[in-house]
C-alpha cells in the first residue's frame, strides 16, 4: 500500500484496501487582449482521481477522474463576458503532467511529486489526433448576447474573438497553475439562473445530443459542479 505525501498540500490522497484516491487543485487563468488592455479571469478547479485496488479479473481496476469547480468568466467590459467552460479532466491533467501517458493514477502521483513545472503553464491550442496522443486544446469558449437569457449563448472561436466581440479582441493565452486556494464558487453572481438548468439544457432538452451543436446541449453542469436545484 502506498501513501502519497506532499508537503505543499497541493494534492490530497487516501488509500485503503478497496481504492486509492488523489486530489489536486489548479488555477485556470484566461487572458484576453482588448482595446482597453489585457483583461483576465480565473477559476480554481479540483481534479479527483480514483482507482479500485480490488482484483476481480475483467471487472477489476476500475478508475475514474472528474473535475469540481466552475467555468472561468472574463469581464471584457460593456456587458461582455467570455466564459471558458469546464473541460475534460484528461486535458488539464496532460498540461500539469509533462509525462502524461493516459495513466491517470501515475499522472496524479507525478503532479504531487513535483514533476509539474513551476509557474503558470500555457495550454496548447492545437488539437492532435491519434490513439493515446497527449490531449491538447482549449476548453470550449462561449458568450451570452444577453446575460439574462440562457438561449442567447454562442460559441466563441478562440482564434477569432473579434467575430464575437469586435475589433481589438484576441485570446492571449489560457494557463494552469497548481494552487492551494479554495475552489471557486461565484458564478451565480453573473448567471443567477443557472440552477434552473441542472437537469435540462438552456433550450429545454433533457438529454445531451453529442452529434448536435454544443450550444443546444449546454446546461448548468458545463459552468459549475457546485450548484443545487432551485
Protein backbone atom coordinates (compact mmCIF):
# COMPACT_ATOMS: atom_id res chain seq x y z
CA UNK A 1 0.00 0.00 0.00
CA UNK A 2 1.37 3.38 -0.96
CA UNK A 3 0.63 6.71 0.67
CA UNK A 4 1.18 9.91 -1.24
CA UNK A 5 2.84 12.63 0.86
CA UNK A 6 3.14 16.21 -0.36
CA UNK A 7 4.42 18.92 1.94
CA UNK A 8 2.82 21.68 -0.13
CA UNK A 9 -0.62 20.04 0.31
CA UNK A 10 -1.40 20.63 -3.36
CA UNK A 11 -2.60 17.04 -3.63
CA UNK A 12 -4.64 15.15 -1.10
CA UNK A 13 -4.71 11.38 -1.17
CA UNK A 14 -6.21 8.41 0.53
CA UNK A 15 -5.59 4.70 0.23
CA UNK A 16 -7.37 1.73 1.69
CA UNK A 17 -7.89 -1.92 0.81
CA UNK A 18 -10.61 -1.06 -1.71
CA UNK A 19 -9.43 2.05 -3.54
CA UNK A 20 -6.91 4.86 -3.92
CA UNK A 21 -7.94 8.50 -4.35
CA UNK A 22 -5.88 11.55 -5.29
CA UNK A 23 -6.94 15.21 -5.47
CA UNK A 24 -5.13 18.27 -6.78
CA UNK A 25 -6.19 21.86 -7.36
CA UNK A 26 -5.15 24.30 -10.03
CA UNK A 27 -5.94 27.81 -11.12
CA UNK A 28 -7.13 28.22 -14.72
CA UNK A 29 -6.49 31.76 -15.95
CA UNK A 30 -7.77 33.22 -19.22
CA UNK A 31 -6.11 36.38 -20.59
CA UNK A 32 -7.68 38.44 -23.37
CA UNK A 33 -6.27 41.42 -25.27
CA UNK A 34 -8.90 44.16 -25.61
CA UNK A 35 -8.87 47.72 -26.98
CA UNK A 36 -8.55 48.86 -23.35
CA UNK A 37 -5.73 46.49 -22.38
CA UNK A 38 -5.47 42.95 -21.07
CA UNK A 39 -8.46 41.52 -19.20
CA UNK A 40 -8.13 38.32 -17.16
CA UNK A 41 -10.34 35.93 -15.25
CA UNK A 42 -9.60 32.76 -13.32
CA UNK A 43 -11.22 29.81 -11.61
CA UNK A 44 -9.80 27.36 -9.08
CA UNK A 45 -10.76 23.80 -10.00
CA UNK A 46 -10.04 20.42 -8.46
CA UNK A 47 -9.45 17.10 -10.16
CA UNK A 48 -10.27 13.90 -8.27
CA UNK A 49 -8.67 10.67 -9.48
CA UNK A 50 -9.61 7.26 -8.08
CA UNK A 51 -8.78 3.63 -8.77
CA UNK A 52 -10.10 0.36 -7.39
CA UNK A 53 -7.49 -1.80 -5.62
CA UNK A 54 -9.65 -4.93 -5.85
CA UNK A 55 -8.55 -7.54 -8.41
CA UNK A 56 -11.59 -9.34 -9.77
CA UNK A 57 -10.41 -10.15 -13.28
CA UNK A 58 -12.05 -8.31 -16.16
CA UNK A 59 -14.16 -6.13 -13.88
CA UNK A 60 -11.24 -5.06 -11.69
CA UNK A 61 -9.00 -2.00 -11.64
CA UNK A 62 -11.78 0.44 -12.37
CA UNK A 63 -10.66 4.05 -12.44
CA UNK A 64 -12.37 7.40 -12.55
CA UNK A 65 -11.50 11.07 -12.90
CA UNK A 66 -13.68 14.15 -12.66
CA UNK A 67 -13.46 17.88 -12.02
CA UNK A 68 -15.03 20.07 -9.36
CA UNK A 69 -15.29 23.82 -9.78
CA UNK A 70 -16.72 26.32 -12.20
CA UNK A 71 -16.09 27.97 -15.54
CA UNK A 72 -13.74 30.92 -15.92
CA UNK A 73 -15.51 34.22 -16.53
CA UNK A 74 -13.58 37.11 -18.09
CA UNK A 75 -15.29 40.51 -17.84
CA UNK A 76 -14.41 42.29 -21.08
CA UNK A 77 -16.38 45.41 -20.25
CA UNK A 78 -19.53 46.88 -21.78
CA UNK A 79 -21.57 43.88 -20.60
CA UNK A 80 -19.44 41.38 -22.48
CA UNK A 81 -18.24 38.26 -20.64
CA UNK A 82 -16.18 35.42 -22.09
CA UNK A 83 -16.65 32.01 -20.43
CA UNK A 84 -14.15 29.13 -20.58
CA UNK A 85 -16.25 26.08 -19.72
CA UNK A 86 -15.27 23.16 -17.53
CA UNK A 87 -13.36 20.75 -19.74
CA UNK A 88 -12.25 17.13 -19.84
CA UNK A 89 -10.01 16.39 -16.83
CA UNK A 90 -7.66 14.47 -19.15
CA UNK A 91 -6.89 17.77 -20.87
CA UNK A 92 -5.91 19.66 -17.74
CA UNK A 93 -4.03 16.67 -16.31
CA UNK A 94 -1.98 16.37 -19.52
CA UNK A 95 -0.95 20.03 -19.13
CA UNK A 96 0.10 19.56 -15.50
CA UNK A 97 1.96 16.28 -16.18
CA UNK A 98 4.69 16.55 -18.85
CA UNK A 99 4.98 12.73 -18.88
CA UNK A 100 1.25 12.06 -19.35
CA UNK A 101 0.62 8.62 -20.90
CA UNK A 102 -3.09 8.12 -20.20
CA UNK A 103 -2.45 6.57 -16.77
CA UNK A 104 -4.44 8.84 -14.51
CA UNK A 105 -3.08 7.47 -11.22
CA UNK A 106 0.55 7.71 -12.33
CA UNK A 107 -0.06 11.26 -13.53
CA UNK A 108 -1.61 12.24 -10.20
CA UNK A 109 1.44 10.88 -8.40
CA UNK A 110 3.82 12.77 -10.68
CA UNK A 111 1.89 16.01 -10.29
CA UNK A 112 2.02 15.68 -6.49
CA UNK A 113 5.67 14.69 -6.54
CA UNK A 114 6.86 17.94 -8.06
CA UNK A 115 7.01 16.93 -11.73
CA UNK A 116 4.77 19.85 -12.71
CA UNK A 117 6.84 22.87 -13.82
CA UNK A 118 6.67 25.87 -11.51
CA UNK A 119 4.59 28.85 -12.52
CA UNK A 120 1.70 29.12 -14.98
CA UNK A 121 1.72 26.59 -17.85
CA UNK A 122 0.17 27.63 -21.16
CA UNK A 123 -2.39 25.26 -22.65
CA UNK A 124 -1.69 24.16 -26.24
CA UNK A 125 -4.45 25.29 -28.63
CA UNK A 126 -3.51 22.83 -31.37
CA UNK A 127 -5.54 19.62 -31.44
CA UNK A 128 -3.66 16.40 -32.25
CA UNK A 129 -5.21 13.16 -33.44
CA UNK A 130 -4.21 9.53 -32.86
CA UNK A 131 -4.66 6.82 -30.27
CA UNK A 132 -3.19 7.75 -26.88
CA UNK A 133 -1.95 11.08 -28.24
CA UNK A 134 -1.47 13.58 -25.44
CA UNK A 135 -4.65 15.70 -25.21
CA UNK A 136 -4.24 19.28 -26.37
CA UNK A 137 -6.57 22.18 -26.99
CA UNK A 138 -8.60 24.72 -25.05
CA UNK A 139 -11.78 24.43 -23.01
CA UNK A 140 -14.85 25.43 -25.00
CA UNK A 141 -15.39 29.21 -25.07
CA UNK A 142 -18.86 30.79 -25.11
CA UNK A 143 -20.61 34.09 -24.54
CA UNK A 144 -24.19 35.26 -23.98
CA UNK A 145 -25.50 38.09 -26.12
CA UNK A 146 -27.79 38.78 -23.16
CA UNK A 147 -26.53 37.55 -19.78
CA UNK A 148 -30.12 37.24 -18.58
CA UNK A 149 -31.13 34.97 -21.47
CA UNK A 150 -29.59 31.45 -21.49
CA UNK A 151 -30.78 30.85 -25.07
CA UNK A 152 -28.57 33.72 -26.28
CA UNK A 153 -25.45 31.59 -25.76
CA UNK A 154 -22.98 31.47 -28.65
CA UNK A 155 -19.77 29.50 -29.19
CA UNK A 156 -16.67 31.70 -29.46
CA UNK A 157 -13.83 30.76 -31.80
CA UNK A 158 -10.60 31.03 -29.74
CA UNK A 159 -8.75 32.03 -32.90
CA UNK A 160 -11.25 34.81 -33.72
CA UNK A 161 -12.59 36.69 -30.71
CA UNK A 162 -13.15 39.72 -32.95
CA UNK A 163 -16.07 37.90 -34.57
CA UNK A 164 -17.79 37.70 -31.18
CA UNK A 165 -16.71 40.95 -29.50
CA UNK A 166 -15.44 43.29 -32.21
CA UNK A 167 -12.09 44.71 -33.37
CA UNK A 168 -9.18 44.60 -30.95
CA UNK A 169 -10.19 41.46 -29.03
CA UNK A 170 -7.78 38.50 -29.06
CA UNK A 171 -7.26 35.48 -26.84
CA UNK A 172 -3.77 35.90 -25.41
CA UNK A 173 -3.45 32.59 -23.52
CA UNK A 174 -5.03 30.11 -21.11
CA UNK A 175 -2.78 28.84 -18.33
CA UNK A 176 -2.91 26.34 -15.47
CA UNK A 177 -1.02 26.54 -12.17
CA UNK A 178 -1.16 24.32 -9.10
CA UNK A 179 -2.60 26.07 -6.07
CA UNK A 180 -3.92 25.57 -2.53
CA UNK A 181 -6.71 28.12 -3.00
CA UNK A 182 -10.37 27.38 -2.30
CA UNK A 183 -12.43 26.02 -5.20
CA UNK A 184 -14.17 28.93 -6.92
CA UNK A 185 -17.86 29.50 -6.36
CA UNK A 186 -19.02 32.92 -7.56
CA UNK A 187 -20.50 32.27 -11.00
CA UNK A 188 -24.06 32.74 -9.70
CA UNK A 189 -23.28 36.43 -9.31
CA UNK A 190 -23.03 36.54 -13.11
CA UNK A 191 -25.54 33.85 -14.13
CA UNK A 192 -28.07 33.62 -11.26
CA UNK A 193 -30.46 31.49 -13.35
CA UNK A 194 -28.04 28.54 -13.72
CA UNK A 195 -29.69 26.27 -11.07
CA UNK A 196 -32.81 26.10 -13.23
CA UNK A 197 -30.82 24.15 -15.82
CA UNK A 198 -29.21 21.37 -13.81
CA UNK A 199 -31.41 18.68 -15.37
CA UNK A 200 -32.09 20.26 -18.76
CA UNK A 201 -30.29 22.27 -21.39
CA UNK A 202 -30.71 26.00 -21.87
CA UNK A 203 -33.10 25.12 -24.71
CA UNK A 204 -35.17 22.71 -22.61
CA UNK A 205 -33.71 19.41 -23.80
CA UNK A 206 -33.31 16.80 -21.05
CA UNK A 207 -30.68 14.64 -22.75
CA UNK A 208 -27.38 15.51 -24.39
CA UNK A 209 -27.05 15.07 -28.13
CA UNK A 210 -23.32 14.55 -28.85
CA UNK A 211 -23.87 14.96 -32.58
CA UNK A 212 -25.77 18.23 -32.21
CA UNK A 213 -24.47 21.79 -31.77
CA UNK A 214 -22.66 22.45 -28.49
CA UNK A 215 -24.99 25.30 -27.59
CA UNK A 216 -28.05 23.03 -27.77
CA UNK A 217 -26.68 20.68 -25.09
CA UNK A 218 -25.23 23.25 -22.67
CA UNK A 219 -26.58 23.11 -19.14
CA UNK A 220 -25.57 24.21 -15.64
CA UNK A 221 -23.03 21.41 -15.26
CA UNK A 222 -20.90 22.87 -18.04
CA UNK A 223 -20.50 26.01 -15.94
CA UNK A 224 -20.38 24.71 -12.37
CA UNK A 225 -20.39 21.48 -10.37
CA UNK A 226 -21.25 23.31 -7.16
CA UNK A 227 -24.92 24.11 -7.81
CA UNK A 228 -28.09 22.73 -6.25
CA UNK A 229 -31.53 22.72 -7.93
CA UNK A 230 -33.85 25.56 -7.01
